[in-house]
Amino acid sequence: ATGIPPALSDATRALSFELMTQMRKAGRSVSFDPNLRPSLWASQA
C-alpha cells in the first residue's frame, strides 16, 4: 500500500484502512510507502 490512495478521497482512504486492517487480521504481511502528496491533502496536519 502507499499513501496516495488515502489522499484522493474519503472513500479511497477508507479502502486503504480496511484493506490493511483485513490483511493484518488474516496474518498476511503488509508494506507501506508513505509516498507523500501534500497538494492532495486538506492540510499537512
Full PDB file with SEQRES, HELIX, SHEET, SSBOND, CRYST1, ORIGX, SCALE, CONECT and MASTER records, all heavy atoms in Angstrom:
SEQRES   1 A   45  ALA THR GLY ILE PRO PRO ALA LEU SER ASP ALA THR ARG          
SEQRES   2 A   45  ALA LEU SER PHE GLU LEU MET THR GLN MET ARG LYS ALA          
SEQRES   3 A   45  GLY ARG SER VAL SER PHE ASP PRO ASN LEU ARG PRO SER          
SEQRES   4 A   45  LEU TRP ALA SER GLN ALA                                      
HELIX    1 AA1 PRO A    5  LEU A    8  1                                   4    
HELIX    2 AA2 ASP A   10  LYS A   25  1                                  16    
HELIX    3 AA3 PRO A   38  LEU A   40  5                                   3    
CRYST1    1.000    1.000    1.000  90.00  90.00  90.00 P 1           1          
ORIGX1      1.000000  0.000000  0.000000        0.00000                         
ORIGX2      0.000000  1.000000  0.000000        0.00000                         
ORIGX3      0.000000  0.000000  1.000000        0.00000                         
SCALE1      1.000000  0.000000  0.000000        0.00000                         
SCALE2      0.000000  1.000000  0.000000        0.00000                         
SCALE3      0.000000  0.000000  1.000000        0.00000                         
ATOM      1  N   ALA A   1       0.843  -1.196   0.000  1.00  0.00           N  
ATOM      2  CA  ALA A   1       0.000   0.000   0.000  1.00  0.00           C  
ATOM      3  C   ALA A   1       0.874   1.240   0.000  1.00  0.00           C  
ATOM      4  O   ALA A   1       2.035   1.203   0.410  1.00  0.00           O  
ATOM      5  CB  ALA A   1      -0.914  -0.002   1.225  1.00  0.00           C  
ATOM      6  N   THR A   2       0.297   2.364  -0.450  1.00  0.00           N  
ATOM      7  CA  THR A   2       1.023   3.634  -0.413  1.00  0.00           C  
ATOM      8  C   THR A   2       0.109   4.722   0.150  1.00  0.00           C  
ATOM      9  O   THR A   2      -1.098   4.516   0.335  1.00  0.00           O  
ATOM     10  CB  THR A   2       1.520   4.074  -1.806  1.00  0.00           C  
ATOM     11  OG1 THR A   2       0.446   4.715  -2.509  1.00  0.00           O  
ATOM     12  CG2 THR A   2       2.060   2.906  -2.601  1.00  0.00           C  
ATOM     13  N   GLY A   3       0.681   5.884   0.371  1.00  0.00           N  
ATOM     14  CA  GLY A   3      -0.080   6.998   0.903  1.00  0.00           C  
ATOM     15  C   GLY A   3      -0.821   7.798  -0.142  1.00  0.00           C  
ATOM     16  O   GLY A   3      -1.431   8.821   0.188  1.00  0.00           O  
ATOM     17  N   ILE A   4      -0.813   7.347  -1.393  1.00  0.00           N  
ATOM     18  CA  ILE A   4      -1.512   8.102  -2.434  1.00  0.00           C  
ATOM     19  C   ILE A   4      -3.024   7.847  -2.418  1.00  0.00           C  
ATOM     20  O   ILE A   4      -3.804   8.815  -2.401  1.00  0.00           O  
ATOM     21  CB  ILE A   4      -0.907   7.814  -3.822  1.00  0.00           C  
ATOM     22  CG1 ILE A   4       0.557   8.275  -3.850  1.00  0.00           C  
ATOM     23  CG2 ILE A   4      -1.706   8.524  -4.920  1.00  0.00           C  
ATOM     24  CD1 ILE A   4       1.287   7.953  -5.127  1.00  0.00           C  
ATOM     25  N   PRO A   5      -3.505   6.590  -2.420  1.00  0.00           N  
ATOM     26  CA  PRO A   5      -4.956   6.393  -2.376  1.00  0.00           C  
ATOM     27  C   PRO A   5      -5.651   7.110  -1.208  1.00  0.00           C  
ATOM     28  O   PRO A   5      -6.702   7.738  -1.437  1.00  0.00           O  
ATOM     29  CB  PRO A   5      -5.095   4.867  -2.279  1.00  0.00           C  
ATOM     30  CG  PRO A   5      -3.892   4.353  -2.978  1.00  0.00           C  
ATOM     31  CD  PRO A   5      -2.788   5.304  -2.602  1.00  0.00           C  
ATOM     32  N   PRO A   6      -5.115   7.077   0.012  1.00  0.00           N  
ATOM     33  CA  PRO A   6      -5.820   7.778   1.087  1.00  0.00           C  
ATOM     34  C   PRO A   6      -5.866   9.288   0.916  1.00  0.00           C  
ATOM     35  O   PRO A   6      -6.644   9.965   1.595  1.00  0.00           O  
ATOM     36  CB  PRO A   6      -5.034   7.392   2.356  1.00  0.00           C  
ATOM     37  CG  PRO A   6      -3.714   6.922   1.876  1.00  0.00           C  
ATOM     38  CD  PRO A   6      -3.980   6.290   0.539  1.00  0.00           C  
ATOM     39  N   ALA A   7      -5.045   9.828   0.016  1.00  0.00           N  
ATOM     40  CA  ALA A   7      -5.071  11.271  -0.246  1.00  0.00           C  
ATOM     41  C   ALA A   7      -6.108  11.656  -1.286  1.00  0.00           C  
ATOM     42  O   ALA A   7      -6.439  12.833  -1.421  1.00  0.00           O  
ATOM     43  CB  ALA A   7      -3.691  11.738  -0.707  1.00  0.00           C  
ATOM     44  N   LEU A   8      -6.626  10.687  -2.030  1.00  0.00           N  
ATOM     45  CA  LEU A   8      -7.502  11.001  -3.160  1.00  0.00           C  
ATOM     46  C   LEU A   8      -8.917  11.362  -2.743  1.00  0.00           C  
ATOM     47  O   LEU A   8      -9.543  12.236  -3.341  1.00  0.00           O  
ATOM     48  CB  LEU A   8      -7.546   9.818  -4.138  1.00  0.00           C  
ATOM     49  CG  LEU A   8      -6.230   9.435  -4.825  1.00  0.00           C  
ATOM     50  CD1 LEU A   8      -6.435   8.229  -5.722  1.00  0.00           C  
ATOM     51  CD2 LEU A   8      -5.677  10.618  -5.623  1.00  0.00           C  
ATOM     52  N   SER A   9      -9.459  10.669  -1.731  1.00  0.00           N  
ATOM     53  CA  SER A   9     -10.835  10.914  -1.300  1.00  0.00           C  
ATOM     54  C   SER A   9     -11.095  10.188   0.011  1.00  0.00           C  
ATOM     55  O   SER A   9     -10.312   9.328   0.440  1.00  0.00           O  
ATOM     56  CB  SER A   9     -11.836  10.432  -2.359  1.00  0.00           C  
ATOM     57  OG  SER A   9     -11.808   9.012  -2.456  1.00  0.00           O  
ATOM     58  N   ASP A  10     -12.208  10.518   0.651  1.00  0.00           N  
ATOM     59  CA  ASP A  10     -12.598   9.817   1.878  1.00  0.00           C  
ATOM     60  C   ASP A  10     -12.818   8.335   1.593  1.00  0.00           C  
ATOM     61  O   ASP A  10     -12.485   7.473   2.416  1.00  0.00           O  
ATOM     62  CB  ASP A  10     -13.883  10.418   2.454  1.00  0.00           C  
ATOM     63  CG  ASP A  10     -13.682  11.834   2.992  1.00  0.00           C  
ATOM     64  OD1 ASP A  10     -12.521  12.217   3.244  1.00  0.00           O  
ATOM     65  OD2 ASP A  10     -14.692  12.548   3.156  1.00  0.00           O  
ATOM     66  N   ALA A  11     -13.388   8.033   0.425  1.00  0.00           N  
ATOM     67  CA  ALA A  11     -13.694   6.644   0.084  1.00  0.00           C  
ATOM     68  C   ALA A  11     -12.430   5.815  -0.098  1.00  0.00           C  
ATOM     69  O   ALA A  11     -12.342   4.678   0.373  1.00  0.00           O  
ATOM     70  CB  ALA A  11     -14.548   6.584  -1.180  1.00  0.00           C  
ATOM     71  N   THR A  12     -11.432   6.382  -0.792  1.00  0.00           N  
ATOM     72  CA  THR A  12     -10.199   5.632  -1.006  1.00  0.00           C  
ATOM     73  C   THR A  12      -9.384   5.540   0.285  1.00  0.00           C  
ATOM     74  O   THR A  12      -8.655   4.565   0.489  1.00  0.00           O  
ATOM     75  CB  THR A  12      -9.345   6.263  -2.117  1.00  0.00           C  
ATOM     76  OG1 THR A  12      -9.175   7.658  -1.867  1.00  0.00           O  
ATOM     77  CG2 THR A  12      -9.990   6.076  -3.474  1.00  0.00           C  
ATOM     78  N   ARG A  13      -9.527   6.530   1.163  1.00  0.00           N  
ATOM     79  CA  ARG A  13      -8.856   6.443   2.468  1.00  0.00           C  
ATOM     80  C   ARG A  13      -9.469   5.314   3.288  1.00  0.00           C  
ATOM     81  O   ARG A  13      -8.749   4.536   3.922  1.00  0.00           O  
ATOM     82  CB  ARG A  13      -8.962   7.782   3.202  1.00  0.00           C  
ATOM     83  CG  ARG A  13      -8.201   7.804   4.516  1.00  0.00           C  
ATOM     84  CD  ARG A  13      -7.834   9.221   4.909  1.00  0.00           C  
ATOM     85  NE  ARG A  13      -8.959  10.136   5.022  1.00  0.00           N  
ATOM     86  CZ  ARG A  13      -9.228  11.111   4.167  1.00  0.00           C  
ATOM     87  NH1 ARG A  13      -8.460  11.308   3.107  1.00  0.00           N  
ATOM     88  NH2 ARG A  13     -10.267  11.905   4.359  1.00  0.00           N  
ATOM     89  N   ALA A  14     -10.795   5.203   3.271  1.00  0.00           N  
ATOM     90  CA  ALA A  14     -11.455   4.110   3.985  1.00  0.00           C  
ATOM     91  C   ALA A  14     -11.039   2.757   3.409  1.00  0.00           C  
ATOM     92  O   ALA A  14     -10.848   1.786   4.151  1.00  0.00           O  
ATOM     93  CB  ALA A  14     -12.973   4.277   3.899  1.00  0.00           C  
ATOM     94  N   LEU A  15     -10.897   2.683   2.090  1.00  0.00           N  
ATOM     95  CA  LEU A  15     -10.449   1.448   1.451  1.00  0.00           C  
ATOM     96  C   LEU A  15      -9.053   1.066   1.935  1.00  0.00           C  
ATOM     97  O   LEU A  15      -8.786  -0.101   2.228  1.00  0.00           O  
ATOM     98  CB  LEU A  15     -10.439   1.624  -0.066  1.00  0.00           C  
ATOM     99  CG  LEU A  15      -9.812   0.492  -0.884  1.00  0.00           C  
ATOM    100  CD1 LEU A  15     -10.644  -0.783  -0.777  1.00  0.00           C  
ATOM    101  CD2 LEU A  15      -9.649   0.902  -2.345  1.00  0.00           C  
ATOM    102  N   SER A  16      -8.144   2.048   2.025  1.00  0.00           N  
ATOM    103  CA  SER A  16      -6.785   1.776   2.472  1.00  0.00           C  
ATOM    104  C   SER A  16      -6.780   1.199   3.877  1.00  0.00           C  
ATOM    105  O   SER A  16      -6.120   0.187   4.154  1.00  0.00           O  
ATOM    106  CB  SER A  16      -5.950   3.068   2.432  1.00  0.00           C  
ATOM    107  OG  SER A  16      -5.829   3.562   1.126  1.00  0.00           O  
ATOM    108  N   PHE A  17      -7.504   1.833   4.783  1.00  0.00           N  
ATOM    109  CA  PHE A  17      -7.567   1.341   6.160  1.00  0.00           C  
ATOM    110  C   PHE A  17      -8.173  -0.061   6.223  1.00  0.00           C  
ATOM    111  O   PHE A  17      -7.679  -0.930   6.949  1.00  0.00           O  
ATOM    112  CB  PHE A  17      -8.373   2.299   7.036  1.00  0.00           C  
ATOM    113  CG  PHE A  17      -7.574   3.446   7.589  1.00  0.00           C  
ATOM    114  CD1 PHE A  17      -7.659   4.707   7.019  1.00  0.00           C  
ATOM    115  CD2 PHE A  17      -6.736   3.264   8.679  1.00  0.00           C  
ATOM    116  CE1 PHE A  17      -6.915   5.767   7.528  1.00  0.00           C  
ATOM    117  CE2 PHE A  17      -5.994   4.318   9.201  1.00  0.00           C  
ATOM    118  CZ  PHE A  17      -6.087   5.571   8.624  1.00  0.00           C  
ATOM    119  N   GLU A  18      -9.236  -0.292   5.461  1.00  0.00           N  
ATOM    120  CA  GLU A  18      -9.912  -1.585   5.503  1.00  0.00           C  
ATOM    121  C   GLU A  18      -9.029  -2.703   4.957  1.00  0.00           C  
ATOM    122  O   GLU A  18      -8.931  -3.783   5.552  1.00  0.00           O  
ATOM    123  CB  GLU A  18     -11.222  -1.513   4.722  1.00  0.00           C  
ATOM    124  CG  GLU A  18     -12.080  -2.774   4.815  1.00  0.00           C  
ATOM    125  CD  GLU A  18     -12.643  -3.030   6.198  1.00  0.00           C  
ATOM    126  OE1 GLU A  18     -12.645  -2.105   7.035  1.00  0.00           O  
ATOM    127  OE2 GLU A  18     -13.089  -4.171   6.456  1.00  0.00           O  
ATOM    128  N   LEU A  19      -8.389  -2.456   3.824  1.00  0.00           N  
ATOM    129  CA  LEU A  19      -7.518  -3.484   3.241  1.00  0.00           C  
ATOM    130  C   LEU A  19      -6.352  -3.825   4.170  1.00  0.00           C  
ATOM    131  O   LEU A  19      -6.051  -4.999   4.401  1.00  0.00           O  
ATOM    132  CB  LEU A  19      -6.978  -3.017   1.890  1.00  0.00           C  
ATOM    133  CG  LEU A  19      -7.835  -3.274   0.656  1.00  0.00           C  
ATOM    134  CD1 LEU A  19      -7.187  -2.653  -0.570  1.00  0.00           C  
ATOM    135  CD2 LEU A  19      -8.039  -4.770   0.432  1.00  0.00           C  
ATOM    136  N   MET A  20      -5.701  -2.804   4.707  1.00  0.00           N  
ATOM    137  CA  MET A  20      -4.558  -3.057   5.575  1.00  0.00           C  
ATOM    138  C   MET A  20      -4.977  -3.760   6.861  1.00  0.00           C  
ATOM    139  O   MET A  20      -4.301  -4.667   7.344  1.00  0.00           O  
ATOM    140  CB  MET A  20      -3.829  -1.737   5.872  1.00  0.00           C  
ATOM    141  CG  MET A  20      -3.176  -1.127   4.637  1.00  0.00           C  
ATOM    142  SD  MET A  20      -2.392   0.478   4.917  1.00  0.00           S  
ATOM    143  CE  MET A  20      -0.918  -0.027   5.827  1.00  0.00           C  
ATOM    144  N   THR A  21      -6.126  -3.364   7.395  1.00  0.00           N  
ATOM    145  CA  THR A  21      -6.630  -3.997   8.617  1.00  0.00           C  
ATOM    146  C   THR A  21      -6.996  -5.454   8.372  1.00  0.00           C  
ATOM    147  O   THR A  21      -6.631  -6.344   9.165  1.00  0.00           O  
ATOM    148  CB  THR A  21      -7.859  -3.226   9.138  1.00  0.00           C  
ATOM    149  OG1 THR A  21      -7.485  -1.886   9.447  1.00  0.00           O  
ATOM    150  CG2 THR A  21      -8.416  -3.890  10.391  1.00  0.00           C  
ATOM    151  N   GLN A  22      -7.722  -5.712   7.280  1.00  0.00           N  
ATOM    152  CA  GLN A  22      -8.159  -7.080   6.992  1.00  0.00           C  
ATOM    153  C   GLN A  22      -6.971  -8.001   6.700  1.00  0.00           C  
ATOM    154  O   GLN A  22      -6.958  -9.161   7.121  1.00  0.00           O  
ATOM    155  CB  GLN A  22      -9.130  -7.082   5.808  1.00  0.00           C  
ATOM    156  CG  GLN A  22     -10.486  -6.472   6.104  1.00  0.00           C  
ATOM    157  CD  GLN A  22     -11.257  -7.254   7.150  1.00  0.00           C  
ATOM    158  OE1 GLN A  22     -11.157  -8.473   7.244  1.00  0.00           O  
ATOM    159  NE2 GLN A  22     -12.029  -6.553   7.951  1.00  0.00           N  
ATOM    160  N   MET A  23      -5.987  -7.503   5.982  1.00  0.00           N  
ATOM    161  CA  MET A  23      -4.827  -8.332   5.671  1.00  0.00           C  
ATOM    162  C   MET A  23      -4.027  -8.655   6.928  1.00  0.00           C  
ATOM    163  O   MET A  23      -3.533  -9.775   7.094  1.00  0.00           O  
ATOM    164  CB  MET A  23      -3.954  -7.623   4.631  1.00  0.00           C  
ATOM    165  CG  MET A  23      -4.588  -7.538   3.253  1.00  0.00           C  
ATOM    166  SD  MET A  23      -4.777  -9.146   2.440  1.00  0.00           S  
ATOM    167  CE  MET A  23      -3.126  -9.374   1.777  1.00  0.00           C  
ATOM    168  N   ARG A  24      -3.888  -7.699   7.818  1.00  0.00           N  
ATOM    169  CA  ARG A  24      -3.196  -7.968   9.080  1.00  0.00           C  
ATOM    170  C   ARG A  24      -3.966  -9.003   9.903  1.00  0.00           C  
ATOM    171  O   ARG A  24      -3.368  -9.916  10.492  1.00  0.00           O  
ATOM    172  CB  ARG A  24      -3.020  -6.672   9.881  1.00  0.00           C  
ATOM    173  CG  ARG A  24      -1.901  -5.775   9.404  1.00  0.00           C  
ATOM    174  CD  ARG A  24      -0.534  -6.446   9.501  1.00  0.00           C  
ATOM    175  NE  ARG A  24      -0.126  -6.708  10.863  1.00  0.00           N  
ATOM    176  CZ  ARG A  24       0.612  -5.905  11.614  1.00  0.00           C  
ATOM    177  NH1 ARG A  24       1.015  -4.741  11.125  1.00  0.00           N  
ATOM    178  NH2 ARG A  24       0.956  -6.235  12.828  1.00  0.00           N  
ATOM    179  N   LYS A  25      -5.282  -8.864   9.963  1.00  0.00           N  
ATOM    180  CA  LYS A  25      -6.102  -9.826  10.712  1.00  0.00           C  
ATOM    181  C   LYS A  25      -5.964 -11.230  10.149  1.00  0.00           C  
ATOM    182  O   LYS A  25      -6.037 -12.222  10.891  1.00  0.00           O  
ATOM    183  CB  LYS A  25      -7.574  -9.397  10.684  1.00  0.00           C  
ATOM    184  CG  LYS A  25      -7.908  -8.244  11.602  1.00  0.00           C  
ATOM    185  CD  LYS A  25      -9.399  -7.945  11.564  1.00  0.00           C  
ATOM    186  CE  LYS A  25      -9.769  -6.827  12.535  1.00  0.00           C  
ATOM    187  NZ  LYS A  25     -11.233  -6.514  12.480  1.00  0.00           N  
ATOM    188  N   ALA A  26      -5.774 -11.320   8.831  1.00  0.00           N  
ATOM    189  CA  ALA A  26      -5.652 -12.618   8.166  1.00  0.00           C  
ATOM    190  C   ALA A  26      -4.240 -13.191   8.281  1.00  0.00           C  
ATOM    191  O   ALA A  26      -3.966 -14.274   7.764  1.00  0.00           O  
ATOM    192  CB  ALA A  26      -6.059 -12.499   6.704  1.00  0.00           C  
ATOM    193  N   GLY A  27      -3.334 -12.461   8.917  1.00  0.00           N  
ATOM    194  CA  GLY A  27      -1.969 -12.939   9.085  1.00  0.00           C  
ATOM    195  C   GLY A  27      -1.089 -12.729   7.880  1.00  0.00           C  
ATOM    196  O   GLY A  27      -0.013 -13.326   7.773  1.00  0.00           O  
ATOM    197  N   ARG A  28      -1.518 -11.847   6.965  1.00  0.00           N  
ATOM    198  CA  ARG A  28      -0.701 -11.552   5.786  1.00  0.00           C  
ATOM    199  C   ARG A  28       0.294 -10.434   6.128  1.00  0.00           C  
ATOM    200  O   ARG A  28       0.091  -9.676   7.070  1.00  0.00           O  
ATOM    201  CB  ARG A  28      -1.562 -11.099   4.610  1.00  0.00           C  
ATOM    202  CG  ARG A  28      -2.830 -11.895   4.399  1.00  0.00           C  
ATOM    203  CD  ARG A  28      -2.571 -13.343   4.072  1.00  0.00           C  
ATOM    204  NE  ARG A  28      -3.833 -14.024   3.778  1.00  0.00           N  
ATOM    205  CZ  ARG A  28      -3.958 -15.325   3.591  1.00  0.00           C  
ATOM    206  NH1 ARG A  28      -2.884 -16.097   3.634  1.00  0.00           N  
ATOM    207  NH2 ARG A  28      -5.139 -15.855   3.325  1.00  0.00           N  
ATOM    208  N   SER A  29       1.336 -10.331   5.334  1.00  0.00           N  
ATOM    209  CA  SER A  29       2.299  -9.246   5.540  1.00  0.00           C  
ATOM    210  C   SER A  29       1.865  -8.015   4.754  1.00  0.00           C  
ATOM    211  O   SER A  29       1.212  -8.117   3.713  1.00  0.00           O  
ATOM    212  CB  SER A  29       3.707  -9.685   5.135  1.00  0.00           C  
ATOM    213  OG  SER A  29       3.744 -10.114   3.788  1.00  0.00           O  
ATOM    214  N   VAL A  30       2.248  -6.840   5.285  1.00  0.00           N  
ATOM    215  CA  VAL A  30       1.838  -5.571   4.687  1.00  0.00           C  
ATOM    216  C   VAL A  30       3.032  -4.625   4.625  1.00  0.00           C  
ATOM    217  O   VAL A  30       3.726  -4.429   5.630  1.00  0.00           O  
ATOM    218  CB  VAL A  30       0.712  -4.909   5.507  1.00  0.00           C  
ATOM    219  CG1 VAL A  30       0.320  -3.566   4.881  1.00  0.00           C  
ATOM    220  CG2 VAL A  30      -0.501  -5.823   5.612  1.00  0.00           C  
ATOM    221  N   SER A  31       3.279  -4.034   3.464  1.00  0.00           N  
ATOM    222  CA  SER A  31       4.285  -2.984   3.326  1.00  0.00           C  
ATOM    223  C   SER A  31       3.574  -1.687   2.977  1.00  0.00           C  
ATOM    224  O   SER A  31       2.532  -1.681   2.322  1.00  0.00           O  
ATOM    225  CB  SER A  31       5.321  -3.342   2.254  1.00  0.00           C  
ATOM    226  OG  SER A  31       4.705  -3.640   1.014  1.00  0.00           O  
ATOM    227  N   PHE A  32       4.163  -0.561   3.431  1.00  0.00           N  
ATOM    228  CA  PHE A  32       3.526   0.740   3.242  1.00  0.00           C  
ATOM    229  C   PHE A  32       4.562   1.786   2.911  1.00  0.00           C  
ATOM    230  O   PHE A  32       5.509   2.020   3.666  1.00  0.00           O  
ATOM    231  CB  PHE A  32       2.763   1.141   4.507  1.00  0.00           C  
ATOM    232  CG  PHE A  32       2.093   2.487   4.425  1.00  0.00           C  
ATOM    233  CD1 PHE A  32       1.031   2.694   3.557  1.00  0.00           C  
ATOM    234  CD2 PHE A  32       2.521   3.540   5.227  1.00  0.00           C  
ATOM    235  CE1 PHE A  32       0.412   3.938   3.471  1.00  0.00           C  
ATOM    236  CE2 PHE A  32       1.904   4.783   5.147  1.00  0.00           C  
ATOM    237  CZ  PHE A  32       0.846   4.981   4.281  1.00  0.00           C  
ATOM    238  N   ASP A  33       4.407   2.427   1.759  1.00  0.00           N  
ATOM    239  CA  ASP A  33       5.260   3.519   1.322  1.00  0.00           C  
ATOM    240  C   ASP A  33       4.454   4.812   1.458  1.00  0.00           C  
ATOM    241  O   ASP A  33       3.458   4.984   0.761  1.00  0.00           O  
ATOM    242  CB  ASP A  33       5.676   3.296  -0.129  1.00  0.00           C  
ATOM    243  CG  ASP A  33       6.631   4.364  -0.647  1.00  0.00           C  
ATOM    244  OD1 ASP A  33       6.789   5.404   0.025  1.00  0.00           O  
ATOM    245  OD2 ASP A  33       7.226   4.150  -1.715  1.00  0.00           O  
ATOM    246  N   PRO A  34       4.851   5.740   2.340  1.00  0.00           N  
ATOM    247  CA  PRO A  34       4.056   6.956   2.546  1.00  0.00           C  
ATOM    248  C   PRO A  34       3.788   7.747   1.270  1.00  0.00           C  
ATOM    249  O   PRO A  34       2.699   8.303   1.100  1.00  0.00           O  
ATOM    250  CB  PRO A  34       4.907   7.769   3.526  1.00  0.00           C  
ATOM    251  CG  PRO A  34       5.656   6.740   4.298  1.00  0.00           C  
ATOM    252  CD  PRO A  34       5.972   5.649   3.301  1.00  0.00           C  
ATOM    253  N   ASN A  35       4.773   7.828   0.375  1.00  0.00           N  
ATOM    254  CA  ASN A  35       4.578   8.492  -0.920  1.00  0.00           C  
ATOM    255  C   ASN A  35       3.763   9.773  -0.780  1.00  0.00           C  
ATOM    256  O   ASN A  35       2.685   9.913  -1.367  1.00  0.00           O  
ATOM    257  CB  ASN A  35       3.889   7.535  -1.890  1.00  0.00           C  
ATOM    258  CG  ASN A  35       4.754   7.201  -3.090  1.00  0.00           C  
ATOM    259  OD1 ASN A  35       5.189   8.094  -3.808  1.00  0.00           O  
ATOM    260  ND2 ASN A  35       5.012   5.937  -3.290  1.00  0.00           N  
ATOM    261  N   LEU A  36       4.278  10.705  -0.014  1.00  0.00           N  
ATOM    262  CA  LEU A  36       3.516  11.893   0.339  1.00  0.00           C  
ATOM    263  C   LEU A  36       3.188  12.754  -0.875  1.00  0.00           C  
ATOM    264  O   LEU A  36       4.042  13.034  -1.712  1.00  0.00           O  
ATOM    265  CB  LEU A  36       4.298  12.725   1.356  1.00  0.00           C  
ATOM    266  CG  LEU A  36       4.611  12.028   2.685  1.00  0.00           C  
ATOM    267  CD1 LEU A  36       5.336  12.992   3.611  1.00  0.00           C  
ATOM    268  CD2 LEU A  36       3.347  11.499   3.344  1.00  0.00           C  
ATOM    269  N   ARG A  37       1.929  13.183  -0.928  1.00  0.00           N  
ATOM    270  CA  ARG A  37       1.457  14.115  -1.948  1.00  0.00           C  
ATOM    271  C   ARG A  37       0.733  15.254  -1.223  1.00  0.00           C  
ATOM    272  O   ARG A  37      -0.502  15.290  -1.165  1.00  0.00           O  
ATOM    273  CB  ARG A  37       0.514  13.419  -2.937  1.00  0.00           C  
ATOM    274  CG  ARG A  37       1.147  12.305  -3.749  1.00  0.00           C  
ATOM    275  CD  ARG A  37       2.178  12.831  -4.748  1.00  0.00           C  
ATOM    276  NE  ARG A  37       2.640  11.801  -5.666  1.00  0.00           N  
ATOM    277  CZ  ARG A  37       3.653  10.979  -5.434  1.00  0.00           C  
ATOM    278  NH1 ARG A  37       4.317  11.069  -4.269  1.00  0.00           N  
ATOM    279  NH2 ARG A  37       4.014  10.061  -6.316  1.00  0.00           N  
ATOM    280  N   PRO A  38       1.473  16.202  -0.633  1.00  0.00           N  
ATOM    281  CA  PRO A  38       0.859  17.247   0.199  1.00  0.00           C  
ATOM    282  C   PRO A  38      -0.249  18.021  -0.497  1.00  0.00           C  
ATOM    283  O   PRO A  38      -1.221  18.433   0.151  1.00  0.00           O  
ATOM    284  CB  PRO A  38       2.050  18.159   0.540  1.00  0.00           C  
ATOM    285  CG  PRO A  38       3.243  17.264   0.475  1.00  0.00           C  
ATOM    286  CD  PRO A  38       2.956  16.319  -0.660  1.00  0.00           C  
ATOM    287  N   SER A  39      -0.135  18.232  -1.805  1.00  0.00           N  
ATOM    288  CA  SER A  39      -1.137  19.032  -2.515  1.00  0.00           C  
ATOM    289  C   SER A  39      -2.506  18.370  -2.555  1.00  0.00           C  
ATOM    290  O   SER A  39      -3.522  19.035  -2.814  1.00  0.00           O  
ATOM    291  CB  SER A  39      -0.666  19.328  -3.940  1.00  0.00           C  
ATOM    292  OG  SER A  39      -0.541  18.123  -4.690  1.00  0.00           O  
ATOM    293  N   LEU A  40      -2.555  17.062  -2.298  1.00  0.00           N  
ATOM    294  CA  LEU A  40      -3.828  16.341  -2.345  1.00  0.00           C  
ATOM    295  C   LEU A  40      -4.558  16.340  -0.996  1.00  0.00           C  
ATOM    296  O   LEU A  40      -5.718  15.933  -0.930  1.00  0.00           O  
ATOM    297  CB  LEU A  40      -3.604  14.891  -2.797  1.00  0.00           C  
ATOM    298  CG  LEU A  40      -3.057  14.691  -4.207  1.00  0.00           C  
ATOM    299  CD1 LEU A  40      -2.860  13.205  -4.490  1.00  0.00           C  
ATOM    300  CD2 LEU A  40      -3.983  15.310  -5.243  1.00  0.00           C  
ATOM    301  N   TRP A  41      -3.882  16.784   0.053  1.00  0.00           N  
ATOM    302  CA  TRP A  41      -4.472  16.761   1.389  1.00  0.00           C  
ATOM    303  C   TRP A  41      -5.033  18.133   1.760  1.00  0.00           C  
ATOM    304  O   TRP A  41      -4.531  19.161   1.307  1.00  0.00           O  
ATOM    305  CB  TRP A  41      -3.441  16.333   2.423  1.00  0.00           C  
ATOM    306  CG  TRP A  41      -3.027  14.899   2.324  1.00  0.00           C  
ATOM    307  CD1 TRP A  41      -1.976  14.400   1.604  1.00  0.00           C  
ATOM    308  CD2 TRP A  41      -3.649  13.787   2.952  1.00  0.00           C  
ATOM    309  NE1 TRP A  41      -1.907  13.031   1.758  1.00  0.00           N  
ATOM    310  CE2 TRP A  41      -2.921  12.624   2.577  1.00  0.00           C  
ATOM    311  CE3 TRP A  41      -4.740  13.640   3.800  1.00  0.00           C  
ATOM    312  CZ2 TRP A  41      -3.253  11.341   3.022  1.00  0.00           C  
ATOM    313  CZ3 TRP A  41      -5.078  12.358   4.245  1.00  0.00           C  
ATOM    314  CH2 TRP A  41      -4.346  11.238   3.855  1.00  0.00           C  
ATOM    315  N   ALA A  42      -6.045  18.144   2.629  1.00  0.00           N  
ATOM    316  CA  ALA A  42      -6.633  19.402   3.089  1.00  0.00           C  
ATOM    317  C   ALA A  42      -5.642  20.196   3.921  1.00  0.00           C  
ATOM    318  O   ALA A  42      -5.654  21.435   3.899  1.00  0.00           O  
ATOM    319  CB  ALA A  42      -7.897  19.129   3.889  1.00  0.00           C  
ATOM    320  N   SER A  43      -4.774  19.504   4.669  1.00  0.00           N  
ATOM    321  CA  SER A  43      -3.775  20.180   5.483  1.00  0.00           C  
ATOM    322  C   SER A  43      -2.619  19.230   5.752  1.00  0.00           C  
ATOM    323  O   SER A  43      -2.764  18.002   5.663  1.00  0.00           O  
ATOM    324  CB  SER A  43      -4.371  20.633   6.821  1.00  0.00           C  
ATOM    325  OG  SER A  43      -4.668  19.511   7.647  1.00  0.00           O  
ATOM    326  N   GLN A  44      -1.465  19.794   6.107  1.00  0.00           N  
ATOM    327  CA  GLN A  44      -0.312  18.966   6.449  1.00  0.00           C  
ATOM    328  C   GLN A  44      -0.581  18.164   7.708  1.00  0.00           C  
ATOM    329  O   GLN A  44      -0.173  16.994   7.815  1.00  0.00           O  
ATOM    330  CB  GLN A  44       0.926  19.842   6.627  1.00  0.00           C  
ATOM    331  CG  GLN A  44       2.183  19.055   6.982  1.00  0.00           C  
ATOM    332  CD  GLN A  44       3.427  19.921   6.977  1.00  0.00           C  
ATOM    333  OE1 GLN A  44       3.858  20.376   5.919  1.00  0.00           O  
ATOM    334  NE2 GLN A  44       3.996  20.172   8.147  1.00  0.00           N  
ATOM    335  N   ALA A  45      -1.285  18.760   8.657  1.00  0.00           N  
ATOM    336  CA  ALA A  45      -1.581  18.063   9.912  1.00  0.00           C  
ATOM    337  C   ALA A  45      -2.421  16.816   9.657  1.00  0.00           C  
ATOM    338  O   ALA A  45      -2.175  15.752  10.247  1.00  0.00           O  
ATOM    339  CB  ALA A  45      -2.301  19.015  10.871  1.00  0.00           C  
TER     340      ALA A  45                                                      
MASTER        0    0    0    3    0    0    0    6  339    1    0    4          
END                                                                             
